[in-house]
C-alpha cells in the first residue's frame, strides 16, 4: 500500500470516528476509482453504517459516507442533508458540442480541487455535473464558460440528475478457466498476455475493487471493469464445451 493510500485510510478513520463521537453524518470528498477500490476493501473490515455514494447507480467517482444509527442509506439519500447536488449546465443553441474534458478542464481552471466534483454526465444540450453542495454558490457565481462556449447553469437536487439508463449487450464465450485474465481476454477481446498486462497495471476492477492478480477466480454475477474499455457482468457459468472449455454468458455495458 502506498503512502497516499495510507493517508486516505487515515482520513476514513477520522471521518468514521467523528461520526461515532458526534452522532452526525460525515463524508469525504469525491474519490477516484483507485481510491474507491481501496476504501471498498477497507469497508469490509469495519463495523457500523458506511457506504460509497456517487449520486446514481453507475457513478465512478463516489464519496465515502458514515451514518449514525438513526440514518439508513435510503433515508440519507432522500433527506435534505444529502451532501450532493447537480450543477445543470446548458450550452447556447447551435454551439459546438463540448466533451467531458471540456467541462472538467474549465471547472478545474477556477482553482477547484478535483475532490469537489463527481461524475460529469455529458448531454446533447450541455451536461449535468455532480458536485458537493458546499460548492453551489461558488459555481453559480463563477462558472460560465467552457472552451469558447458560454454556459448557463443552475442547481438541481441530486434526484433530478439526467443520465441514460445503461444498455446491455448479451454475449457468450468459452474460457480455459475462470481466472481473471481469461475472463478479461474473452470479454474485452484481448490476448491473454494483454489481459495480464492490464491487470498488473491496475486498470482492471473486480466488483469495484482494483485487482492486480491475474489468477484470481471470477464467479457468477461478478462485475469486471477494464478502465478505458468498458464493463461487463458475468451472468452464468455453464458446463464445458466439446473442447473441455468452460462456457460463460455475460452482459456488456454499452
C-alpha atoms as a PDB file:
ATOM      1  CA  UNK A   1       0.000   0.000   0.000  1.00  0.00           C
ATOM      2  CA  UNK A   2       1.364   3.407  -0.964  1.00  0.00           C
ATOM      3  CA  UNK A   3       1.793   6.349   1.399  1.00  0.00           C
ATOM      4  CA  UNK A   4      -1.115   8.085  -0.366  1.00  0.00           C
ATOM      5  CA  UNK A   5      -3.349   5.050   0.270  1.00  0.00           C
ATOM      6  CA  UNK A   6      -2.366   5.016   3.941  1.00  0.00           C
ATOM      7  CA  UNK A   7      -3.204   8.719   4.235  1.00  0.00           C
ATOM      8  CA  UNK A   8      -6.570   8.070   2.611  1.00  0.00           C
ATOM      9  CA  UNK A   9      -7.405   5.358   5.149  1.00  0.00           C
ATOM     10  CA  UNK A  10      -6.354   7.700   7.950  1.00  0.00           C
ATOM     11  CA  UNK A  11      -8.911  10.221   6.638  1.00  0.00           C
ATOM     12  CA  UNK A  12     -11.522   7.449   6.530  1.00  0.00           C
ATOM     13  CA  UNK A  13     -10.795   6.588  10.171  1.00  0.00           C
ATOM     14  CA  UNK A  14     -11.084  10.258  11.164  1.00  0.00           C
ATOM     15  CA  UNK A  15     -14.449  10.614   9.413  1.00  0.00           C
ATOM     16  CA  UNK A  16     -15.751   7.408  10.976  1.00  0.00           C
ATOM     17  CA  UNK A  17     -14.643   8.414  14.485  1.00  0.00           C
ATOM     18  CA  UNK A  18     -16.163  11.880  14.111  1.00  0.00           C
ATOM     19  CA  UNK A  19     -19.475  10.316  13.084  1.00  0.00           C
ATOM     20  CA  UNK A  20     -19.440   7.943  16.071  1.00  0.00           C
ATOM     21  CA  UNK A  21     -18.362  10.560  18.598  1.00  0.00           C
ATOM     22  CA  UNK A  22     -20.712  13.322  17.438  1.00  0.00           C
ATOM     23  CA  UNK A  23     -23.603  11.202  16.196  1.00  0.00           C
ATOM     24  CA  UNK A  24     -23.832  13.013  12.867  1.00  0.00           C
ATOM     25  CA  UNK A  25     -23.317  12.060   9.231  1.00  0.00           C
ATOM     26  CA  UNK A  26     -19.812  12.597   7.890  1.00  0.00           C
ATOM     27  CA  UNK A  27     -18.347  12.148   4.436  1.00  0.00           C
ATOM     28  CA  UNK A  28     -15.217  12.570   2.363  1.00  0.00           C
ATOM     29  CA  UNK A  29     -14.777  14.441  -0.877  1.00  0.00           C
ATOM     30  CA  UNK A  30     -15.119  12.565  -4.143  1.00  0.00           C
ATOM     31  CA  UNK A  31     -12.755   9.623  -4.546  1.00  0.00           C
ATOM     32  CA  UNK A  32     -11.358   8.404  -7.862  1.00  0.00           C
ATOM     33  CA  UNK A  33     -11.716   4.777  -8.966  1.00  0.00           C
ATOM     34  CA  UNK A  34      -8.477   3.685  -7.321  1.00  0.00           C
ATOM     35  CA  UNK A  35      -9.438   5.329  -4.047  1.00  0.00           C
ATOM     36  CA  UNK A  36     -12.940   3.838  -4.241  1.00  0.00           C
ATOM     37  CA  UNK A  37     -11.337   0.414  -4.594  1.00  0.00           C
ATOM     38  CA  UNK A  38      -9.089   0.954  -1.560  1.00  0.00           C
ATOM     39  CA  UNK A  39     -11.964   2.225   0.578  1.00  0.00           C
ATOM     40  CA  UNK A  40     -14.343  -0.506  -0.600  1.00  0.00           C
ATOM     41  CA  UNK A  41     -11.856  -3.144   0.544  1.00  0.00           C
ATOM     42  CA  UNK A  42     -11.301  -1.366   3.877  1.00  0.00           C
ATOM     43  CA  UNK A  43     -15.035  -1.072   4.488  1.00  0.00           C
ATOM     44  CA  UNK A  44     -15.232  -4.869   4.685  1.00  0.00           C
ATOM     45  CA  UNK A  45     -13.203  -4.736   7.901  1.00  0.00           C
ATOM     46  CA  UNK A  46     -15.311  -2.036   9.545  1.00  0.00           C
ATOM     47  CA  UNK A  47     -18.463  -2.178  11.623  1.00  0.00           C
ATOM     48  CA  UNK A  48     -21.149   0.470  11.594  1.00  0.00           C
ATOM     49  CA  UNK A  49     -23.070   2.221   8.841  1.00  0.00           C
ATOM     50  CA  UNK A  50     -20.989   3.289   5.884  1.00  0.00           C
ATOM     51  CA  UNK A  51     -21.414   3.489   2.124  1.00  0.00           C
ATOM     52  CA  UNK A  52     -19.869   4.675  -1.110  1.00  0.00           C
ATOM     53  CA  UNK A  53     -22.205   7.072  -2.863  1.00  0.00           C
ATOM     54  CA  UNK A  54     -21.879   8.933  -6.149  1.00  0.00           C
ATOM     55  CA  UNK A  55     -25.406  10.169  -6.826  1.00  0.00           C
ATOM     56  CA  UNK A  56     -26.578   7.415  -9.171  1.00  0.00           C
ATOM     57  CA  UNK A  57     -26.102   3.645  -9.505  1.00  0.00           C
ATOM     58  CA  UNK A  58     -23.269   3.615 -12.038  1.00  0.00           C
ATOM     59  CA  UNK A  59     -21.250   6.511 -10.612  1.00  0.00           C
ATOM     60  CA  UNK A  60     -17.482   6.114 -10.900  1.00  0.00           C
ATOM     61  CA  UNK A  61     -16.494   8.895  -8.514  1.00  0.00           C
ATOM     62  CA  UNK A  62     -18.014   8.481  -5.064  1.00  0.00           C
ATOM     63  CA  UNK A  63     -17.876   9.956  -1.602  1.00  0.00           C
ATOM     64  CA  UNK A  64     -17.391   7.733   1.450  1.00  0.00           C
ATOM     65  CA  UNK A  65     -20.276   8.303   3.860  1.00  0.00           C
ATOM     66  CA  UNK A  66     -20.588   7.406   7.553  1.00  0.00           C
ATOM     67  CA  UNK A  67     -24.064   7.336   9.071  1.00  0.00           C
ATOM     68  CA  UNK A  68     -25.231   7.496  12.704  1.00  0.00           C
ATOM     69  CA  UNK A  69     -27.660   4.853  13.910  1.00  0.00           C
ATOM     70  CA  UNK A  70     -30.748   6.970  13.251  1.00  0.00           C
ATOM     71  CA  UNK A  71     -29.995   7.161   9.495  1.00  0.00           C
ATOM     72  CA  UNK A  72     -30.062   4.337   6.992  1.00  0.00           C
ATOM     73  CA  UNK A  73     -28.870   4.574   3.410  1.00  0.00           C
ATOM     74  CA  UNK A  74     -32.315   5.221   1.920  1.00  0.00           C
ATOM     75  CA  UNK A  75     -33.279   7.938   4.398  1.00  0.00           C
ATOM     76  CA  UNK A  76     -29.879   9.587   3.947  1.00  0.00           C
ATOM     77  CA  UNK A  77     -30.171   9.687   0.148  1.00  0.00           C
ATOM     78  CA  UNK A  78     -33.684  11.174   0.232  1.00  0.00           C
ATOM     79  CA  UNK A  79     -33.039  13.627   3.074  1.00  0.00           C
ATOM     80  CA  UNK A  80     -32.267  17.335   2.829  1.00  0.00           C
ATOM     81  CA  UNK A  81     -28.883  16.531   4.352  1.00  0.00           C
ATOM     82  CA  UNK A  82     -27.767  14.677   1.232  1.00  0.00           C
ATOM     83  CA  UNK A  83     -24.410  16.394   0.526  1.00  0.00           C
ATOM     84  CA  UNK A  84     -24.621  16.086  -3.266  1.00  0.00           C
ATOM     85  CA  UNK A  85     -26.402  18.209  -5.830  1.00  0.00           C
ATOM     86  CA  UNK A  86     -26.374  18.717  -9.576  1.00  0.00           C
ATOM     87  CA  UNK A  87     -24.917  21.643 -11.463  1.00  0.00           C
ATOM     88  CA  UNK A  88     -27.141  21.630 -14.534  1.00  0.00           C
ATOM     89  CA  UNK A  89     -25.151  23.127 -17.429  1.00  0.00           C
ATOM     90  CA  UNK A  90     -26.636  24.253 -20.716  1.00  0.00           C
ATOM     91  CA  UNK A  91     -24.873  25.430 -23.848  1.00  0.00           C
ATOM     92  CA  UNK A  92     -26.254  28.003 -26.285  1.00  0.00           C
ATOM     93  CA  UNK A  93     -28.352  26.749 -29.177  1.00  0.00           C
ATOM     94  CA  UNK A  94     -26.177  25.874 -32.135  1.00  0.00           C
ATOM     95  CA  UNK A  95     -22.982  25.981 -30.094  1.00  0.00           C
ATOM     96  CA  UNK A  96     -20.216  23.467 -30.707  1.00  0.00           C
ATOM     97  CA  UNK A  97     -20.684  20.244 -28.748  1.00  0.00           C
ATOM     98  CA  UNK A  98     -18.460  20.056 -25.682  1.00  0.00           C
ATOM     99  CA  UNK A  99     -16.757  16.958 -24.290  1.00  0.00           C
ATOM    100  CA  UNK A 100     -16.238  15.631 -20.791  1.00  0.00           C
ATOM    101  CA  UNK A 101     -12.697  17.011 -20.947  1.00  0.00           C
ATOM    102  CA  UNK A 102     -14.004  20.471 -21.857  1.00  0.00           C
ATOM    103  CA  UNK A 103     -16.313  20.610 -18.838  1.00  0.00           C
ATOM    104  CA  UNK A 104     -13.793  19.144 -16.407  1.00  0.00           C
ATOM    105  CA  UNK A 105     -10.921  21.330 -17.592  1.00  0.00           C
ATOM    106  CA  UNK A 106     -12.964  24.508 -17.449  1.00  0.00           C
ATOM    107  CA  UNK A 107     -14.323  23.893 -13.961  1.00  0.00           C
ATOM    108  CA  UNK A 108     -10.909  22.961 -12.560  1.00  0.00           C
ATOM    109  CA  UNK A 109      -9.433  26.109 -14.115  1.00  0.00           C
ATOM    110  CA  UNK A 110     -11.424  28.019 -11.498  1.00  0.00           C
ATOM    111  CA  UNK A 111      -8.949  26.728  -8.932  1.00  0.00           C
ATOM    112  CA  UNK A 112     -11.104  23.920  -7.558  1.00  0.00           C
ATOM    113  CA  UNK A 113      -9.754  20.627  -6.302  1.00  0.00           C
ATOM    114  CA  UNK A 114     -10.897  17.501  -8.113  1.00  0.00           C
ATOM    115  CA  UNK A 115     -12.479  16.059  -4.974  1.00  0.00           C
ATOM    116  CA  UNK A 116     -15.379  18.545  -5.006  1.00  0.00           C
ATOM    117  CA  UNK A 117     -16.548  17.351  -8.444  1.00  0.00           C
ATOM    118  CA  UNK A 118     -18.092  13.948  -9.073  1.00  0.00           C
ATOM    119  CA  UNK A 119     -19.172  12.375 -12.346  1.00  0.00           C
ATOM    120  CA  UNK A 120     -19.985  14.616 -15.302  1.00  0.00           C
ATOM    121  CA  UNK A 121     -22.826  13.327 -17.459  1.00  0.00           C
ATOM    122  CA  UNK A 122     -22.487  14.839 -20.945  1.00  0.00           C
ATOM    123  CA  UNK A 123     -25.828  15.533 -22.658  1.00  0.00           C
ATOM    124  CA  UNK A 124     -26.879  16.794 -26.074  1.00  0.00           C
ATOM    125  CA  UNK A 125     -27.560  20.300 -24.753  1.00  0.00           C
ATOM    126  CA  UNK A 126     -24.924  20.509 -22.045  1.00  0.00           C
ATOM    127  CA  UNK A 127     -24.031  18.401 -19.032  1.00  0.00           C
ATOM    128  CA  UNK A 128     -25.093  17.509 -15.519  1.00  0.00           C
ATOM    129  CA  UNK A 129     -22.185  17.787 -13.099  1.00  0.00           C
ATOM    130  CA  UNK A 130     -22.452  16.148  -9.685  1.00  0.00           C
ATOM    131  CA  UNK A 131     -20.956  18.405  -7.010  1.00  0.00           C
ATOM    132  CA  UNK A 132     -20.678  18.765  -3.262  1.00  0.00           C
ATOM    133  CA  UNK A 133     -23.439  21.098  -2.084  1.00  0.00           C
ATOM    134  CA  UNK A 134     -20.903  23.360  -0.426  1.00  0.00           C
ATOM    135  CA  UNK A 135     -19.722  24.388  -3.916  1.00  0.00           C
ATOM    136  CA  UNK A 136     -23.129  25.538  -5.180  1.00  0.00           C
ATOM    137  CA  UNK A 137     -22.785  29.288  -4.611  1.00  0.00           C
ATOM    138  CA  UNK A 138     -19.220  29.421  -5.894  1.00  0.00           C
ATOM    139  CA  UNK A 139     -20.080  27.641  -9.137  1.00  0.00           C
ATOM    140  CA  UNK A 140     -23.245  29.636  -9.716  1.00  0.00           C
ATOM    141  CA  UNK A 141     -21.208  32.828  -9.429  1.00  0.00           C
ATOM    142  CA  UNK A 142     -18.061  31.790 -11.291  1.00  0.00           C
ATOM    143  CA  UNK A 143     -18.736  29.026 -13.789  1.00  0.00           C
ATOM    144  CA  UNK A 144     -19.981  30.470 -17.052  1.00  0.00           C
ATOM    145  CA  UNK A 145     -17.654  29.302 -19.826  1.00  0.00           C
ATOM    146  CA  UNK A 146     -16.100  26.120 -21.227  1.00  0.00           C
ATOM    147  CA  UNK A 147     -13.687  26.453 -24.111  1.00  0.00           C
ATOM    148  CA  UNK A 148     -15.080  29.270 -26.239  1.00  0.00           C
ATOM    149  CA  UNK A 149     -18.695  28.471 -25.321  1.00  0.00           C
ATOM    150  CA  UNK A 150     -20.838  30.445 -22.914  1.00  0.00           C
ATOM    151  CA  UNK A 151     -22.802  28.395 -20.395  1.00  0.00           C
ATOM    152  CA  UNK A 152     -25.919  28.858 -18.331  1.00  0.00           C
ATOM    153  CA  UNK A 153     -26.002  26.998 -15.014  1.00  0.00           C
ATOM    154  CA  UNK A 154     -28.499  26.220 -12.283  1.00  0.00           C
ATOM    155  CA  UNK A 155     -28.564  23.978  -9.234  1.00  0.00           C
ATOM    156  CA  UNK A 156     -30.869  20.973  -9.065  1.00  0.00           C
ATOM    157  CA  UNK A 157     -31.361  18.304  -6.390  1.00  0.00           C
ATOM    158  CA  UNK A 158     -29.472  15.084  -6.976  1.00  0.00           C
ATOM    159  CA  UNK A 159     -32.653  13.151  -7.789  1.00  0.00           C
ATOM    160  CA  UNK A 160     -33.081  15.395 -10.863  1.00  0.00           C
ATOM    161  CA  UNK A 161     -29.805  14.178 -12.384  1.00  0.00           C
ATOM    162  CA  UNK A 162     -30.270  13.310 -16.039  1.00  0.00           C
ATOM    163  CA  UNK A 163     -28.485  10.187 -17.202  1.00  0.00           C
ATOM    164  CA  UNK A 164     -29.245   7.444 -19.651  1.00  0.00           C
ATOM    165  CA  UNK A 165     -30.180   4.035 -18.351  1.00  0.00           C
ATOM    166  CA  UNK A 166     -27.460   1.532 -19.102  1.00  0.00           C
ATOM    167  CA  UNK A 167     -27.918  -0.594 -22.220  1.00  0.00           C
ATOM    168  CA  UNK A 168     -26.661  -4.158 -22.160  1.00  0.00           C
ATOM    169  CA  UNK A 169     -25.447  -6.497 -24.868  1.00  0.00           C
ATOM    170  CA  UNK A 170     -25.614 -10.204 -24.097  1.00  0.00           C
ATOM    171  CA  UNK A 171     -22.760 -12.425 -25.251  1.00  0.00           C
ATOM    172  CA  UNK A 172     -21.395 -15.938 -24.863  1.00  0.00           C
ATOM    173  CA  UNK A 173     -17.899 -17.386 -24.985  1.00  0.00           C
ATOM    174  CA  UNK A 174     -15.726 -20.173 -23.655  1.00  0.00           C
ATOM    175  CA  UNK A 175     -12.644 -19.885 -21.461  1.00  0.00           C
ATOM    176  CA  UNK A 176      -9.949 -22.316 -20.360  1.00  0.00           C
ATOM    177  CA  UNK A 177     -10.617 -21.425 -16.703  1.00  0.00           C
ATOM    178  CA  UNK A 178     -12.345 -18.766 -14.629  1.00  0.00           C
ATOM    179  CA  UNK A 179      -9.093 -16.928 -13.933  1.00  0.00           C
ATOM    180  CA  UNK A 180      -9.478 -13.174 -14.214  1.00  0.00           C
ATOM    181  CA  UNK A 181      -7.003 -12.902 -17.101  1.00  0.00           C
ATOM    182  CA  UNK A 182      -9.025 -15.413 -19.135  1.00  0.00           C
ATOM    183  CA  UNK A 183     -12.282 -13.551 -18.423  1.00  0.00           C
ATOM    184  CA  UNK A 184     -10.799 -10.151 -19.302  1.00  0.00           C
ATOM    185  CA  UNK A 185      -9.321 -11.543 -22.523  1.00  0.00           C
ATOM    186  CA  UNK A 186     -12.636 -13.079 -23.593  1.00  0.00           C
ATOM    187  CA  UNK A 187     -14.923 -10.199 -22.613  1.00  0.00           C
ATOM    188  CA  UNK A 188     -12.775  -7.375 -23.977  1.00  0.00           C
ATOM    189  CA  UNK A 189     -11.388  -9.243 -26.991  1.00  0.00           C
ATOM    190  CA  UNK A 190      -7.737  -9.194 -25.892  1.00  0.00           C
ATOM    191  CA  UNK A 191      -4.926 -11.697 -25.969  1.00  0.00           C
ATOM    192  CA  UNK A 192      -4.261 -13.329 -22.624  1.00  0.00           C
ATOM    193  CA  UNK A 193      -0.902 -11.547 -22.461  1.00  0.00           C
ATOM    194  CA  UNK A 194      -2.533  -8.137 -22.968  1.00  0.00           C
ATOM    195  CA  UNK A 195      -5.151  -9.018 -20.367  1.00  0.00           C
ATOM    196  CA  UNK A 196      -2.418  -9.888 -17.852  1.00  0.00           C
ATOM    197  CA  UNK A 197      -0.631  -6.610 -18.579  1.00  0.00           C
ATOM    198  CA  UNK A 198      -3.840  -4.665 -17.977  1.00  0.00           C
ATOM    199  CA  UNK A 199      -4.490  -6.445 -14.691  1.00  0.00           C
ATOM    200  CA  UNK A 200      -0.962  -5.959 -13.381  1.00  0.00           C
ATOM    201  CA  UNK A 201      -1.043  -2.270 -14.337  1.00  0.00           C
ATOM    202  CA  UNK A 202      -4.047  -1.655 -12.056  1.00  0.00           C
ATOM    203  CA  UNK A 203      -6.622  -0.888 -14.735  1.00  0.00           C
ATOM    204  CA  UNK A 204      -8.888  -3.875 -14.010  1.00  0.00           C
ATOM    205  CA  UNK A 205     -11.524  -3.823 -11.276  1.00  0.00           C
ATOM    206  CA  UNK A 206     -13.425  -6.847  -9.989  1.00  0.00           C
ATOM    207  CA  UNK A 207     -16.612  -5.865  -8.138  1.00  0.00           C
ATOM    208  CA  UNK A 208     -15.298  -2.282  -7.820  1.00  0.00           C
ATOM    209  CA  UNK A 209     -12.002  -3.438  -6.305  1.00  0.00           C
ATOM    210  CA  UNK A 210      -8.737  -2.839  -8.137  1.00  0.00           C
ATOM    211  CA  UNK A 211      -7.293  -6.288  -8.775  1.00  0.00           C
ATOM    212  CA  UNK A 212      -3.688  -6.896  -9.837  1.00  0.00           C
ATOM    213  CA  UNK A 213      -3.601 -10.698  -9.611  1.00  0.00           C
ATOM    214  CA  UNK A 214      -4.343 -12.407 -12.956  1.00  0.00           C
ATOM    215  CA  UNK A 215      -5.077 -15.773 -11.320  1.00  0.00           C
ATOM    216  CA  UNK A 216      -7.929 -14.643  -9.049  1.00  0.00           C
ATOM    217  CA  UNK A 217     -11.122 -16.566  -9.862  1.00  0.00           C
ATOM    218  CA  UNK A 218     -14.273 -14.915 -11.191  1.00  0.00           C
ATOM    219  CA  UNK A 219     -17.750 -16.093 -10.202  1.00  0.00           C
ATOM    220  CA  UNK A 220     -21.311 -15.681 -11.465  1.00  0.00           C
ATOM    221  CA  UNK A 221     -22.710 -12.143 -11.014  1.00  0.00           C
ATOM    222  CA  UNK A 222     -19.230 -10.645 -10.669  1.00  0.00           C
ATOM    223  CA  UNK A 223     -18.649  -7.311 -12.419  1.00  0.00           C
ATOM    224  CA  UNK A 224     -15.417  -6.760 -14.334  1.00  0.00           C
ATOM    225  CA  UNK A 225     -14.217  -3.307 -15.435  1.00  0.00           C
ATOM    226  CA  UNK A 226     -11.314  -2.587 -17.755  1.00  0.00           C
ATOM    227  CA  UNK A 227     -10.650   1.127 -17.488  1.00  0.00           C
ATOM    228  CA  UNK A 228     -10.934   2.750 -20.892  1.00  0.00           C
ATOM    229  CA  UNK A 229     -12.612  -0.286 -22.463  1.00  0.00           C
ATOM    230  CA  UNK A 230     -15.820  -0.874 -20.560  1.00  0.00           C
ATOM    231  CA  UNK A 231     -17.633  -3.045 -18.040  1.00  0.00           C
ATOM    232  CA  UNK A 232     -19.233  -6.477 -18.053  1.00  0.00           C
ATOM    233  CA  UNK A 233     -21.205  -8.686 -15.680  1.00  0.00           C
ATOM    234  CA  UNK A 234     -20.850 -12.465 -15.668  1.00  0.00           C
ATOM    235  CA  UNK A 235     -24.396 -13.787 -15.883  1.00  0.00           C
ATOM    236  CA  UNK A 236     -23.859 -17.519 -15.972  1.00  0.00           C
ATOM    237  CA  UNK A 237     -21.067 -20.058 -15.718  1.00  0.00           C
ATOM    238  CA  UNK A 238     -22.229 -23.166 -17.549  1.00  0.00           C
ATOM    239  CA  UNK A 239     -20.886 -26.562 -18.433  1.00  0.00           C
ATOM    240  CA  UNK A 240     -17.967 -27.450 -20.642  1.00  0.00           C
ATOM    241  CA  UNK A 241     -17.685 -27.369 -24.416  1.00  0.00           C
ATOM    242  CA  UNK A 242     -16.561 -30.255 -26.603  1.00  0.00           C
ATOM    243  CA  UNK A 243     -13.034 -28.890 -26.294  1.00  0.00           C
ATOM    244  CA  UNK A 244     -13.341 -29.004 -22.488  1.00  0.00           C
ATOM    245  CA  UNK A 245     -13.586 -25.229 -22.103  1.00  0.00           C
ATOM    246  CA  UNK A 246     -15.929 -23.529 -19.640  1.00  0.00           C
ATOM    247  CA  UNK A 247     -18.981 -21.843 -21.172  1.00  0.00           C
ATOM    248  CA  UNK A 248     -19.792 -18.361 -19.883  1.00  0.00           C
ATOM    249  CA  UNK A 249     -22.532 -15.846 -20.579  1.00  0.00           C
ATOM    250  CA  UNK A 250     -22.127 -12.159 -19.790  1.00  0.00           C
ATOM    251  CA  UNK A 251     -23.661  -8.754 -20.329  1.00  0.00           C
ATOM    252  CA  UNK A 252     -21.544  -5.924 -21.723  1.00  0.00           C
ATOM    253  CA  UNK A 253     -22.471  -2.378 -20.669  1.00  0.00           C
ATOM    254  CA  UNK A 254     -22.776  -0.223 -23.794  1.00  0.00           C
END
